[in-house]
Amino acid sequence: AEPGSQHQLTWARFFAAVAGSEADFQLLGSLLDGTARIDGLEVDQELRWAFLSPLASHGAADEAAVDAELARDDTASGKRHHVRCLASRPSEAVKAQAWAAVVESDRLSNALVEATITGFEQASQRELLAPYADRYFAVIERIWAERSIQIGMHVVRGLFPSLQDSPETLAATDAWLSGHEDAAPALRRLVLEARDDLARVLRGQECDARA
């Protein structure tokens, strides 16, 4: 891409989004600390967060690094990025803390709940998140009853165990639906939508397996 162009900026964001190798992480880290530069690419604050995000989610940036970035960008947007990056780190303790912050506490704002959930759900952490599938079905009715409609929607949509794309998760969803026929209609509708999306994914996997 031409230096300084919108295409170059788009490429940089895409590269950060798909980064997965040690070499990728080394380059992102070097761009953040200034030891590497790409001609024409201005690493502004939003791009810094875009680079830090995959480093955090793959364990290449620790809490101190994420906190240091918040110190550079102590704004509402920076706080959202901060909690998202913290929740994205690949650790059982981190996931437990993020889950508790959303599910067991009502201290986070709508925006920070959404950011925490976004960080919590990482496609590269399927096994780490597996224990939360059953917990999801155990808490959603309480969350829906006790929290605001917006936070309820964030939790029901965002924490649905879609990464556990297996017949077992589909069966667990059907079991919840059949066992909660009197649940709030809006809650059931959200779970049904998530169930349909999961069923569609499983059908696609079956087609791929037969191909």
N, C-alpha and C. Protein backbone atom coordinates (compact mmCIF):
# COMPACT_ATOMS: atom_id res chain seq x y z
N ALA A 1 0.83 -1.19 0.00
CA ALA A 1 0.00 0.00 0.00
C ALA A 1 0.88 1.25 0.00
N GLU A 2 0.38 2.31 -0.61
CA GLU A 2 1.14 3.55 -0.70
C GLU A 2 1.32 4.16 0.69
N PRO A 3 2.54 4.57 1.03
CA PRO A 3 2.77 5.17 2.35
C PRO A 3 1.83 6.34 2.62
N GLY A 4 1.23 6.34 3.81
CA GLY A 4 0.35 7.42 4.20
C GLY A 4 -1.06 7.34 3.66
N SER A 5 -1.37 6.28 2.91
CA SER A 5 -2.69 6.17 2.29
C SER A 5 -3.68 5.48 3.22
N GLN A 6 -4.96 5.62 2.88
CA GLN A 6 -6.00 4.91 3.63
C GLN A 6 -5.83 3.41 3.48
N HIS A 7 -5.36 2.97 2.31
CA HIS A 7 -5.12 1.54 2.10
C HIS A 7 -4.06 1.02 3.07
N GLN A 8 -3.04 1.83 3.31
CA GLN A 8 -2.00 1.40 4.25
C GLN A 8 -2.57 1.27 5.66
N LEU A 9 -3.41 2.22 6.06
CA LEU A 9 -4.03 2.16 7.38
C LEU A 9 -4.93 0.94 7.50
N THR A 10 -5.70 0.67 6.44
CA THR A 10 -6.57 -0.51 6.44
C THR A 10 -5.73 -1.78 6.53
N TRP A 11 -4.63 -1.82 5.80
CA TRP A 11 -3.73 -2.98 5.87
C TRP A 11 -3.21 -3.18 7.29
N ALA A 12 -2.81 -2.08 7.93
CA ALA A 12 -2.25 -2.17 9.29
C ALA A 12 -3.28 -2.74 10.26
N ARG A 13 -4.51 -2.28 10.14
CA ARG A 13 -5.57 -2.79 11.02
C ARG A 13 -5.84 -4.27 10.74
N PHE A 14 -5.85 -4.63 9.47
CA PHE A 14 -6.09 -6.03 9.10
C PHE A 14 -4.95 -6.91 9.61
N PHE A 15 -3.73 -6.45 9.45
CA PHE A 15 -2.58 -7.22 9.93
C PHE A 15 -2.68 -7.47 11.43
N ALA A 16 -3.06 -6.44 12.18
CA ALA A 16 -3.19 -6.61 13.62
C ALA A 16 -4.30 -7.60 13.96
N ALA A 17 -5.39 -7.55 13.19
CA ALA A 17 -6.54 -8.42 13.47
C ALA A 17 -6.22 -9.89 13.23
N VAL A 18 -5.32 -10.19 12.28
CA VAL A 18 -5.04 -11.59 11.94
C VAL A 18 -3.68 -12.05 12.48
N ALA A 19 -2.98 -11.19 13.20
CA ALA A 19 -1.66 -11.55 13.72
C ALA A 19 -1.75 -12.82 14.57
N GLY A 20 -0.80 -13.74 14.32
CA GLY A 20 -0.86 -15.00 15.06
C GLY A 20 0.49 -15.65 15.31
N SER A 21 1.53 -15.12 14.70
CA SER A 21 2.85 -15.74 14.86
C SER A 21 3.74 -14.88 15.74
N GLU A 22 4.82 -15.48 16.21
CA GLU A 22 5.76 -14.73 17.04
C GLU A 22 6.33 -13.54 16.27
N ALA A 23 6.58 -13.74 14.98
CA ALA A 23 7.11 -12.64 14.16
C ALA A 23 6.10 -11.50 14.07
N ASP A 24 4.82 -11.86 13.93
CA ASP A 24 3.77 -10.83 13.89
C ASP A 24 3.77 -10.03 15.19
N PHE A 25 3.81 -10.74 16.31
CA PHE A 25 3.75 -10.07 17.60
C PHE A 25 4.99 -9.21 17.85
N GLN A 26 6.14 -9.69 17.38
CA GLN A 26 7.36 -8.92 17.54
C GLN A 26 7.27 -7.61 16.77
N LEU A 27 6.72 -7.66 15.55
CA LEU A 27 6.58 -6.44 14.76
C LEU A 27 5.60 -5.48 15.41
N LEU A 28 4.47 -6.00 15.88
CA LEU A 28 3.49 -5.13 16.53
C LEU A 28 4.08 -4.47 17.77
N GLY A 29 4.81 -5.26 18.56
CA GLY A 29 5.45 -4.70 19.74
C GLY A 29 6.47 -3.63 19.40
N SER A 30 7.21 -3.86 18.33
CA SER A 30 8.22 -2.89 17.91
C SER A 30 7.58 -1.61 17.39
N LEU A 31 6.45 -1.74 16.71
CA LEU A 31 5.73 -0.55 16.25
C LEU A 31 5.18 0.24 17.44
N LEU A 32 4.79 -0.47 18.48
CA LEU A 32 4.28 0.21 19.67
C LEU A 32 5.38 0.94 20.44
N ASP A 33 6.53 0.29 20.58
CA ASP A 33 7.58 0.92 21.40
C ASP A 33 8.50 1.83 20.58
N GLY A 34 8.23 1.92 19.27
CA GLY A 34 8.97 2.85 18.44
C GLY A 34 10.28 2.34 17.90
N THR A 35 10.60 1.07 18.14
CA THR A 35 11.85 0.53 17.62
C THR A 35 11.72 0.09 16.17
N ALA A 36 10.50 0.11 15.65
CA ALA A 36 10.28 -0.17 14.22
C ALA A 36 9.30 0.86 13.68
N ARG A 37 9.46 1.19 12.42
CA ARG A 37 8.56 2.12 11.76
C ARG A 37 8.24 1.59 10.38
N ILE A 38 7.06 1.91 9.91
CA ILE A 38 6.67 1.61 8.53
C ILE A 38 6.47 2.94 7.84
N ASP A 39 7.16 3.14 6.76
CA ASP A 39 7.15 4.43 6.06
C ASP A 39 5.73 4.90 5.78
N GLY A 40 5.39 6.07 6.28
CA GLY A 40 4.08 6.66 6.02
C GLY A 40 3.00 6.29 7.00
N LEU A 41 3.23 5.29 7.84
CA LEU A 41 2.19 4.84 8.77
C LEU A 41 2.28 5.62 10.07
N GLU A 42 1.24 6.39 10.35
CA GLU A 42 1.17 7.13 11.61
C GLU A 42 0.47 6.25 12.64
N VAL A 43 1.19 5.85 13.66
CA VAL A 43 0.62 4.99 14.69
C VAL A 43 -0.04 5.89 15.74
N ASP A 44 -1.31 6.25 15.47
CA ASP A 44 -2.04 7.09 16.41
C ASP A 44 -2.60 6.23 17.55
N GLN A 45 -3.37 6.86 18.44
CA GLN A 45 -3.81 6.13 19.63
C GLN A 45 -4.73 4.96 19.29
N GLU A 46 -5.64 5.15 18.36
CA GLU A 46 -6.53 4.04 17.99
C GLU A 46 -5.75 2.88 17.40
N LEU A 47 -4.74 3.19 16.61
CA LEU A 47 -3.92 2.13 16.02
C LEU A 47 -3.06 1.46 17.10
N ARG A 48 -2.64 2.22 18.09
CA ARG A 48 -1.89 1.62 19.19
C ARG A 48 -2.75 0.56 19.90
N TRP A 49 -4.00 0.89 20.16
CA TRP A 49 -4.88 -0.10 20.79
C TRP A 49 -5.10 -1.29 19.87
N ALA A 50 -5.23 -1.03 18.57
CA ALA A 50 -5.41 -2.13 17.62
C ALA A 50 -4.19 -3.06 17.63
N PHE A 51 -3.01 -2.52 17.80
CA PHE A 51 -1.79 -3.34 17.86
C PHE A 51 -1.68 -4.06 19.21
N LEU A 52 -2.08 -3.39 20.28
CA LEU A 52 -1.96 -3.99 21.60
C LEU A 52 -2.95 -5.13 21.80
N SER A 53 -4.10 -5.04 21.17
CA SER A 53 -5.16 -6.03 21.38
C SER A 53 -4.71 -7.46 21.10
N PRO A 54 -4.13 -7.77 19.94
CA PRO A 54 -3.69 -9.16 19.71
C PRO A 54 -2.52 -9.55 20.61
N LEU A 55 -1.70 -8.60 20.99
CA LEU A 55 -0.61 -8.92 21.92
C LEU A 55 -1.19 -9.39 23.26
N ALA A 56 -2.22 -8.70 23.73
CA ALA A 56 -2.84 -9.08 25.00
C ALA A 56 -3.54 -10.43 24.89
N SER A 57 -4.30 -10.63 23.82
CA SER A 57 -5.10 -11.85 23.71
C SER A 57 -4.25 -13.09 23.47
N HIS A 58 -3.02 -12.91 23.00
CA HIS A 58 -2.13 -14.05 22.79
C HIS A 58 -1.04 -14.15 23.87
N GLY A 59 -1.20 -13.39 24.93
CA GLY A 59 -0.26 -13.49 26.04
C GLY A 59 1.07 -12.80 25.83
N ALA A 60 1.14 -11.92 24.83
CA ALA A 60 2.39 -11.23 24.54
C ALA A 60 2.44 -9.83 25.14
N ALA A 61 1.39 -9.44 25.85
CA ALA A 61 1.37 -8.16 26.58
C ALA A 61 0.69 -8.41 27.92
N ASP A 62 1.34 -8.02 29.00
CA ASP A 62 0.79 -8.29 30.32
C ASP A 62 -0.05 -7.12 30.83
N GLU A 63 -0.54 -7.26 32.06
CA GLU A 63 -1.40 -6.23 32.64
C GLU A 63 -0.69 -4.89 32.72
N ALA A 64 0.58 -4.91 33.04
CA ALA A 64 1.34 -3.66 33.16
C ALA A 64 1.38 -2.92 31.83
N ALA A 65 1.54 -3.66 30.73
CA ALA A 65 1.58 -3.03 29.41
C ALA A 65 0.23 -2.41 29.06
N VAL A 66 -0.84 -3.12 29.41
CA VAL A 66 -2.18 -2.60 29.13
C VAL A 66 -2.46 -1.38 30.00
N ASP A 67 -2.06 -1.43 31.25
CA ASP A 67 -2.24 -0.28 32.15
C ASP A 67 -1.44 0.93 31.65
N ALA A 68 -0.25 0.67 31.14
CA ALA A 68 0.58 1.77 30.63
C ALA A 68 -0.08 2.45 29.45
N GLU A 69 -0.76 1.66 28.62
CA GLU A 69 -1.45 2.26 27.48
C GLU A 69 -2.62 3.12 27.94
N LEU A 70 -3.31 2.68 28.98
CA LEU A 70 -4.40 3.51 29.53
C LEU A 70 -3.85 4.83 30.06
N ALA A 71 -2.66 4.80 30.63
CA ALA A 71 -2.05 6.04 31.13
C ALA A 71 -1.80 7.02 29.99
N ARG A 72 -1.55 6.51 28.80
CA ARG A 72 -1.38 7.36 27.61
C ARG A 72 -2.71 7.88 27.10
N ASP A 73 -3.78 7.11 27.34
CA ASP A 73 -5.09 7.41 26.74
C ASP A 73 -6.18 7.25 27.80
N ASP A 74 -6.14 8.11 28.81
CA ASP A 74 -7.09 8.02 29.92
C ASP A 74 -8.38 8.76 29.55
N THR A 75 -9.08 8.18 28.57
CA THR A 75 -10.34 8.72 28.07
C THR A 75 -11.40 7.63 28.18
N ALA A 76 -12.65 7.98 27.86
CA ALA A 76 -13.71 6.97 27.88
C ALA A 76 -13.40 5.85 26.89
N SER A 77 -12.92 6.23 25.71
CA SER A 77 -12.54 5.22 24.72
C SER A 77 -11.37 4.39 25.21
N GLY A 78 -10.39 5.04 25.82
CA GLY A 78 -9.24 4.31 26.36
C GLY A 78 -9.64 3.32 27.43
N LYS A 79 -10.58 3.70 28.28
CA LYS A 79 -11.04 2.78 29.34
C LYS A 79 -11.72 1.56 28.74
N ARG A 80 -12.48 1.75 27.66
CA ARG A 80 -13.12 0.60 27.00
C ARG A 80 -12.07 -0.34 26.41
N HIS A 81 -11.10 0.24 25.72
CA HIS A 81 -10.02 -0.59 25.17
C HIS A 81 -9.27 -1.31 26.29
N HIS A 82 -9.05 -0.62 27.38
CA HIS A 82 -8.29 -1.16 28.51
C HIS A 82 -8.97 -2.40 29.08
N VAL A 83 -10.26 -2.31 29.39
CA VAL A 83 -10.93 -3.47 29.99
C VAL A 83 -11.06 -4.60 28.97
N ARG A 84 -11.21 -4.25 27.69
CA ARG A 84 -11.29 -5.30 26.66
C ARG A 84 -9.97 -6.05 26.57
N CYS A 85 -8.87 -5.33 26.54
CA CYS A 85 -7.56 -5.99 26.46
C CYS A 85 -7.28 -6.82 27.70
N LEU A 86 -7.61 -6.29 28.87
CA LEU A 86 -7.38 -7.05 30.10
C LEU A 86 -8.17 -8.36 30.08
N ALA A 87 -9.43 -8.30 29.66
CA ALA A 87 -10.28 -9.49 29.65
C ALA A 87 -9.89 -10.49 28.58
N SER A 88 -9.12 -10.04 27.59
CA SER A 88 -8.76 -10.92 26.47
C SER A 88 -7.57 -11.81 26.77
N ARG A 89 -6.85 -11.55 27.85
CA ARG A 89 -5.61 -12.30 28.11
C ARG A 89 -5.91 -13.79 28.36
N PRO A 90 -5.05 -14.68 27.86
CA PRO A 90 -5.32 -16.13 27.90
C PRO A 90 -4.95 -16.78 29.23
N SER A 91 -5.79 -16.54 30.23
CA SER A 91 -5.52 -17.05 31.57
C SER A 91 -6.83 -17.43 32.24
N GLU A 92 -6.84 -18.56 32.94
CA GLU A 92 -8.04 -18.96 33.67
C GLU A 92 -8.44 -17.90 34.69
N ALA A 93 -7.46 -17.35 35.39
CA ALA A 93 -7.76 -16.34 36.40
C ALA A 93 -8.35 -15.08 35.78
N VAL A 94 -7.82 -14.69 34.63
CA VAL A 94 -8.33 -13.52 33.93
C VAL A 94 -9.78 -13.74 33.51
N LYS A 95 -10.06 -14.91 32.95
CA LYS A 95 -11.42 -15.19 32.50
C LYS A 95 -12.39 -15.22 33.68
N ALA A 96 -11.96 -15.80 34.79
CA ALA A 96 -12.81 -15.84 35.98
C ALA A 96 -13.10 -14.43 36.48
N GLN A 97 -12.09 -13.58 36.45
CA GLN A 97 -12.27 -12.21 36.91
C GLN A 97 -13.20 -11.44 35.98
N ALA A 98 -13.04 -11.62 34.67
CA ALA A 98 -13.90 -10.92 33.72
C ALA A 98 -15.34 -11.39 33.84
N TRP A 99 -15.52 -12.70 33.96
CA TRP A 99 -16.87 -13.26 34.13
C TRP A 99 -17.53 -12.68 35.38
N ALA A 100 -16.80 -12.66 36.47
CA ALA A 100 -17.36 -12.14 37.72
C ALA A 100 -17.71 -10.66 37.60
N ALA A 101 -16.88 -9.91 36.90
CA ALA A 101 -17.13 -8.47 36.75
C ALA A 101 -18.44 -8.20 36.01
N VAL A 102 -18.76 -9.09 35.08
CA VAL A 102 -19.98 -8.92 34.29
C VAL A 102 -21.19 -9.58 34.95
N VAL A 103 -21.01 -10.80 35.43
CA VAL A 103 -22.13 -11.63 35.87
C VAL A 103 -22.46 -11.47 37.35
N GLU A 104 -21.43 -11.31 38.17
CA GLU A 104 -21.64 -11.28 39.62
C GLU A 104 -21.65 -9.88 40.21
N SER A 105 -21.38 -8.87 39.41
CA SER A 105 -21.31 -7.50 39.89
C SER A 105 -22.11 -6.59 38.96
N ASP A 106 -22.61 -5.50 39.50
CA ASP A 106 -23.33 -4.53 38.67
C ASP A 106 -22.60 -3.19 38.65
N ARG A 107 -21.30 -3.22 38.88
CA ARG A 107 -20.53 -1.98 38.99
C ARG A 107 -20.11 -1.42 37.63
N LEU A 108 -20.05 -2.24 36.61
CA LEU A 108 -19.60 -1.77 35.30
C LEU A 108 -20.73 -1.09 34.54
N SER A 109 -20.39 -0.05 33.80
CA SER A 109 -21.36 0.62 32.94
C SER A 109 -21.70 -0.28 31.75
N ASN A 110 -22.75 0.11 31.01
CA ASN A 110 -23.11 -0.65 29.81
C ASN A 110 -21.92 -0.80 28.87
N ALA A 111 -21.22 0.31 28.64
CA ALA A 111 -20.11 0.29 27.69
C ALA A 111 -18.98 -0.62 28.17
N LEU A 112 -18.70 -0.61 29.46
CA LEU A 112 -17.61 -1.44 29.97
C LEU A 112 -18.02 -2.91 30.06
N VAL A 113 -19.31 -3.18 30.29
CA VAL A 113 -19.79 -4.57 30.21
C VAL A 113 -19.58 -5.10 28.80
N GLU A 114 -19.98 -4.32 27.81
CA GLU A 114 -19.83 -4.75 26.42
C GLU A 114 -18.36 -4.97 26.07
N ALA A 115 -17.48 -4.06 26.51
CA ALA A 115 -16.05 -4.18 26.22
C ALA A 115 -15.45 -5.40 26.91
N THR A 116 -15.87 -5.66 28.14
CA THR A 116 -15.35 -6.82 28.86
C THR A 116 -15.77 -8.11 28.18
N ILE A 117 -17.02 -8.19 27.74
CA ILE A 117 -17.50 -9.38 27.05
C ILE A 117 -16.74 -9.58 25.74
N THR A 118 -16.51 -8.49 25.01
CA THR A 118 -15.77 -8.59 23.75
C THR A 118 -14.37 -9.14 23.99
N GLY A 119 -13.73 -8.69 25.07
CA GLY A 119 -12.41 -9.22 25.39
C GLY A 119 -12.46 -10.66 25.86
N PHE A 120 -13.45 -10.98 26.65
CA PHE A 120 -13.60 -12.34 27.20
C PHE A 120 -13.71 -13.37 26.09
N GLU A 121 -14.52 -13.08 25.07
CA GLU A 121 -14.79 -14.04 24.00
C GLU A 121 -13.72 -13.94 22.91
N GLN A 122 -12.74 -14.80 22.95
CA GLN A 122 -11.67 -14.83 21.96
C GLN A 122 -11.69 -16.15 21.22
N ALA A 123 -11.75 -16.08 19.89
CA ALA A 123 -11.83 -17.31 19.09
C ALA A 123 -10.63 -18.22 19.31
N SER A 124 -9.50 -17.65 19.67
CA SER A 124 -8.29 -18.45 19.88
C SER A 124 -8.26 -19.13 21.25
N GLN A 125 -9.31 -18.90 22.06
CA GLN A 125 -9.32 -19.41 23.43
C GLN A 125 -10.50 -20.35 23.68
N ARG A 126 -10.84 -21.12 22.69
CA ARG A 126 -12.02 -22.00 22.76
C ARG A 126 -11.97 -22.92 23.97
N GLU A 127 -10.85 -23.59 24.18
CA GLU A 127 -10.75 -24.53 25.30
C GLU A 127 -10.80 -23.82 26.64
N LEU A 128 -10.19 -22.66 26.71
CA LEU A 128 -10.17 -21.89 27.96
C LEU A 128 -11.58 -21.47 28.36
N LEU A 129 -12.43 -21.22 27.37
CA LEU A 129 -13.78 -20.74 27.64
C LEU A 129 -14.81 -21.85 27.79
N ALA A 130 -14.41 -23.08 27.52
CA ALA A 130 -15.36 -24.20 27.55
C ALA A 130 -16.14 -24.32 28.87
N PRO A 131 -15.51 -24.12 30.04
CA PRO A 131 -16.26 -24.28 31.29
C PRO A 131 -17.40 -23.29 31.47
N TYR A 132 -17.40 -22.22 30.68
CA TYR A 132 -18.41 -21.18 30.87
C TYR A 132 -19.71 -21.46 30.11
N ALA A 133 -19.73 -22.50 29.30
CA ALA A 133 -20.96 -22.81 28.56
C ALA A 133 -22.09 -23.15 29.52
N ASP A 134 -21.85 -24.07 30.44
CA ASP A 134 -22.89 -24.44 31.40
C ASP A 134 -23.23 -23.28 32.33
N ARG A 135 -22.24 -22.50 32.70
CA ARG A 135 -22.47 -21.38 33.60
C ARG A 135 -23.39 -20.34 32.95
N TYR A 136 -23.24 -20.19 31.64
CA TYR A 136 -24.08 -19.24 30.92
C TYR A 136 -25.56 -19.56 31.12
N PHE A 137 -25.91 -20.82 30.89
CA PHE A 137 -27.32 -21.19 30.99
C PHE A 137 -27.83 -21.11 32.43
N ALA A 138 -26.93 -21.20 33.38
CA ALA A 138 -27.32 -21.13 34.79
C ALA A 138 -27.61 -19.70 35.25
N VAL A 139 -27.08 -18.70 34.54
CA VAL A 139 -27.19 -17.33 35.05
C VAL A 139 -28.05 -16.39 34.21
N ILE A 140 -28.37 -16.75 32.97
CA ILE A 140 -28.97 -15.73 32.10
C ILE A 140 -30.35 -15.28 32.57
N GLU A 141 -31.14 -16.17 33.16
CA GLU A 141 -32.47 -15.74 33.60
C GLU A 141 -32.35 -14.75 34.76
N ARG A 142 -31.42 -15.00 35.66
CA ARG A 142 -31.21 -14.06 36.77
C ARG A 142 -30.69 -12.72 36.26
N ILE A 143 -29.74 -12.76 35.36
CA ILE A 143 -29.20 -11.52 34.81
C ILE A 143 -30.31 -10.72 34.14
N TRP A 144 -31.15 -11.40 33.38
CA TRP A 144 -32.23 -10.73 32.67
C TRP A 144 -33.20 -10.06 33.65
N ALA A 145 -33.45 -10.71 34.75
CA ALA A 145 -34.40 -10.17 35.73
C ALA A 145 -33.81 -9.03 36.55
N GLU A 146 -32.53 -9.09 36.83
CA GLU A 146 -31.93 -8.16 37.79
C GLU A 146 -31.25 -6.95 37.16
N ARG A 147 -30.84 -7.05 35.91
CA ARG A 147 -30.04 -5.99 35.31
C ARG A 147 -30.85 -5.22 34.28
N SER A 148 -30.29 -4.13 33.79
CA SER A 148 -30.97 -3.34 32.78
C SER A 148 -31.14 -4.15 31.50
N ILE A 149 -32.09 -3.74 30.68
CA ILE A 149 -32.35 -4.47 29.44
C ILE A 149 -31.11 -4.46 28.54
N GLN A 150 -30.37 -3.33 28.53
CA GLN A 150 -29.20 -3.25 27.67
C GLN A 150 -28.11 -4.21 28.12
N ILE A 151 -27.85 -4.24 29.41
CA ILE A 151 -26.83 -5.17 29.92
C ILE A 151 -27.30 -6.60 29.75
N GLY A 152 -28.58 -6.85 29.98
CA GLY A 152 -29.11 -8.19 29.75
C GLY A 152 -28.88 -8.66 28.33
N MET A 153 -29.09 -7.76 27.37
CA MET A 153 -28.87 -8.12 25.97
C MET A 153 -27.39 -8.37 25.69
N HIS A 154 -26.52 -7.53 26.26
CA HIS A 154 -25.07 -7.74 26.08
C HIS A 154 -24.67 -9.13 26.59
N VAL A 155 -25.17 -9.49 27.78
CA VAL A 155 -24.79 -10.76 28.39
C VAL A 155 -25.34 -11.94 27.59
N VAL A 156 -26.63 -11.89 27.28
CA VAL A 156 -27.26 -13.04 26.61
C VAL A 156 -26.68 -13.25 25.22
N ARG A 157 -26.46 -12.17 24.49
CA ARG A 157 -25.88 -12.30 23.15
C ARG A 157 -24.38 -12.57 23.21
N GLY A 158 -23.69 -11.77 24.02
CA GLY A 158 -22.23 -11.80 23.98
C GLY A 158 -21.59 -13.00 24.65
N LEU A 159 -22.25 -13.54 25.68
CA LEU A 159 -21.66 -14.68 26.39
C LEU A 159 -22.24 -16.02 25.95
N PHE A 160 -23.16 -16.01 25.01
CA PHE A 160 -23.64 -17.30 24.48
C PHE A 160 -22.43 -18.09 23.99
N PRO A 161 -22.34 -19.37 24.35
CA PRO A 161 -21.12 -20.15 24.04
C PRO A 161 -21.01 -20.57 22.58
N SER A 162 -21.02 -19.59 21.70
CA SER A 162 -20.97 -19.89 20.26
C SER A 162 -19.64 -20.50 19.85
N LEU A 163 -18.57 -20.22 20.60
CA LEU A 163 -17.28 -20.82 20.27
C LEU A 163 -17.27 -22.32 20.54
N GLN A 164 -18.15 -22.77 21.42
CA GLN A 164 -18.28 -24.21 21.69
C GLN A 164 -19.26 -24.78 20.67
N ASP A 165 -18.84 -24.76 19.42
CA ASP A 165 -19.73 -25.11 18.31
C ASP A 165 -19.81 -26.62 18.15
N SER A 166 -20.62 -27.22 19.00
CA SER A 166 -20.75 -28.67 19.03
C SER A 166 -22.21 -29.05 19.22
N PRO A 167 -22.56 -30.29 18.87
CA PRO A 167 -23.93 -30.75 19.14
C PRO A 167 -24.28 -30.68 20.62
N GLU A 168 -23.29 -30.82 21.49
CA GLU A 168 -23.56 -30.75 22.93
C GLU A 168 -24.05 -29.36 23.33
N THR A 169 -23.46 -28.32 22.75
CA THR A 169 -23.91 -26.96 23.06
C THR A 169 -25.30 -26.73 22.51
N LEU A 170 -25.57 -27.25 21.33
CA LEU A 170 -26.92 -27.14 20.77
C LEU A 170 -27.93 -27.84 21.67
N ALA A 171 -27.58 -29.02 22.15
CA ALA A 171 -28.47 -29.76 23.04
C ALA A 171 -28.69 -29.01 24.35
N ALA A 172 -27.64 -28.39 24.88
CA ALA A 172 -27.77 -27.62 26.11
C ALA A 172 -28.68 -26.41 25.91
N THR A 173 -28.59 -25.80 24.74
CA THR A 173 -29.46 -24.67 24.42
C THR A 173 -30.91 -25.12 24.34
N ASP A 174 -31.14 -26.23 23.65
CA ASP A 174 -32.50 -26.76 23.54
C ASP A 174 -33.05 -27.15 24.91
N ALA A 175 -32.19 -27.69 25.76
CA ALA A 175 -32.63 -28.07 27.11
C ALA A 175 -33.03 -26.84 27.91
N TRP A 176 -32.27 -25.76 27.78
CA TRP A 176 -32.64 -24.54 28.49
C TRP A 176 -33.98 -24.01 27.97
N LEU A 177 -34.14 -24.00 26.67
CA LEU A 177 -35.39 -23.49 26.09
C LEU A 177 -36.59 -24.32 26.53
N SER A 178 -36.44 -25.63 26.52
CA SER A 178 -37.57 -26.49 26.91
C SER A 178 -37.84 -26.39 28.40
N GLY A 179 -36.82 -26.08 29.19
CA GLY A 179 -37.00 -25.98 30.63
C GLY A 179 -37.37 -24.59 31.12
N HIS A 180 -37.42 -23.63 30.19
CA HIS A 180 -37.73 -22.25 30.56
C HIS A 180 -38.76 -21.66 29.60
N GLU A 181 -39.83 -22.39 29.41
CA GLU A 181 -40.87 -21.92 28.50
C GLU A 181 -41.57 -20.67 29.02
N ASP A 182 -41.49 -20.44 30.34
CA ASP A 182 -42.13 -19.26 30.93
C ASP A 182 -41.16 -18.10 31.12
N ALA A 183 -39.95 -18.22 30.61
CA ALA A 183 -38.99 -17.13 30.71
C ALA A 183 -39.48 -15.93 29.90
N ALA A 184 -38.92 -14.78 30.18
CA ALA A 184 -39.33 -13.56 29.47
C ALA A 184 -39.23 -13.78 27.96
N PRO A 185 -40.27 -13.40 27.20
CA PRO A 185 -40.26 -13.63 25.75
C PRO A 185 -39.03 -13.04 25.06
N ALA A 186 -38.61 -11.85 25.48
CA ALA A 186 -37.44 -11.23 24.83
C ALA A 186 -36.17 -12.04 25.10
N LEU A 187 -36.06 -12.59 26.30
CA LEU A 187 -34.91 -13.44 26.63
C LEU A 187 -34.93 -14.70 25.79
N ARG A 188 -36.07 -15.34 25.71
CA ARG A 188 -36.18 -16.56 24.90
C ARG A 188 -35.86 -16.27 23.44
N ARG A 189 -36.30 -15.12 22.95
CA ARG A 189 -36.04 -14.78 21.54
C ARG A 189 -34.54 -14.65 21.28
N LEU A 190 -33.82 -14.01 22.20
CA LEU A 190 -32.37 -13.88 22.03
C LEU A 190 -31.68 -15.24 22.04
N VAL A 191 -32.11 -16.11 22.95
CA VAL A 191 -31.51 -17.45 23.01
C VAL A 191 -31.85 -18.24 21.76
N LEU A 192 -33.08 -18.10 21.28
CA LEU A 192 -33.48 -18.79 20.05
C LEU A 192 -32.65 -18.31 18.86
N GLU A 193 -32.40 -17.01 18.79
CA GLU A 193 -31.59 -16.48 17.70
C GLU A 193 -30.17 -17.05 17.75
N ALA A 194 -29.61 -17.10 18.96
CA ALA A 194 -28.27 -17.66 19.12
C ALA A 194 -28.26 -19.15 18.78
N ARG A 195 -29.33 -19.82 19.17
CA ARG A 195 -29.46 -21.26 18.87
C ARG A 195 -29.51 -21.49 17.36
N ASP A 196 -30.26 -20.64 16.65
CA ASP A 196 -30.36 -20.79 15.20
C ASP A 196 -29.01 -20.54 14.53
N ASP A 197 -28.28 -19.55 15.01
CA ASP A 197 -26.95 -19.27 14.46
C ASP A 197 -26.03 -20.47 14.67
N LEU A 198 -26.08 -21.05 15.87
CA LEU A 198 -25.24 -22.22 16.16
C LEU A 198 -25.62 -23.40 15.29
N ALA A 199 -26.92 -23.63 15.13
CA ALA A 199 -27.38 -24.74 14.29
C ALA A 199 -26.91 -24.56 12.85
N ARG A 200 -26.90 -23.31 12.38
CA ARG A 200 -26.45 -23.02 11.02
C ARG A 200 -24.96 -23.35 10.88
N VAL A 201 -24.18 -23.00 11.88
CA VAL A 201 -22.75 -23.31 11.86
C VAL A 201 -22.53 -24.82 11.83
N LEU A 202 -23.28 -25.54 12.63
CA LEU A 202 -23.12 -27.00 12.68
C LEU A 202 -23.52 -27.64 11.35
N ARG A 203 -24.57 -27.12 10.73
CA ARG A 203 -24.95 -27.65 9.41
C ARG A 203 -23.84 -27.40 8.39
N GLY A 204 -23.22 -26.22 8.47
CA GLY A 204 -22.11 -25.93 7.57
C GLY A 204 -20.94 -26.86 7.80
N GLN A 205 -20.67 -27.18 9.06
CA GLN A 205 -19.59 -28.12 9.36
C GLN A 205 -19.90 -29.50 8.79
N GLU A 206 -21.15 -29.92 8.87
CA GLU A 206 -21.54 -31.22 8.32
C GLU A 206 -21.35 -31.25 6.81
N CYS A 207 -21.73 -30.15 6.15
CA CYS A 207 -21.56 -30.08 4.70
C CYS A 207 -20.08 -30.14 4.32
N ASP A 208 -19.25 -29.41 5.08
CA ASP A 208 -17.82 -29.43 4.80
C ASP A 208 -17.23 -30.82 5.00
N ALA A 209 -17.72 -31.52 6.02
CA ALA A 209 -17.20 -32.86 6.32
C ALA A 209 -17.55 -33.84 5.21
N ARG A 210 -18.71 -33.63 4.58
CA ARG A 210 -19.14 -34.53 3.51
C ARG A 210 -18.50 -34.20 2.17
N ALA A 211 -17.98 -32.99 2.05
CA ALA A 211 -17.43 -32.55 0.76
C ALA A 211 -16.16 -33.31 0.40
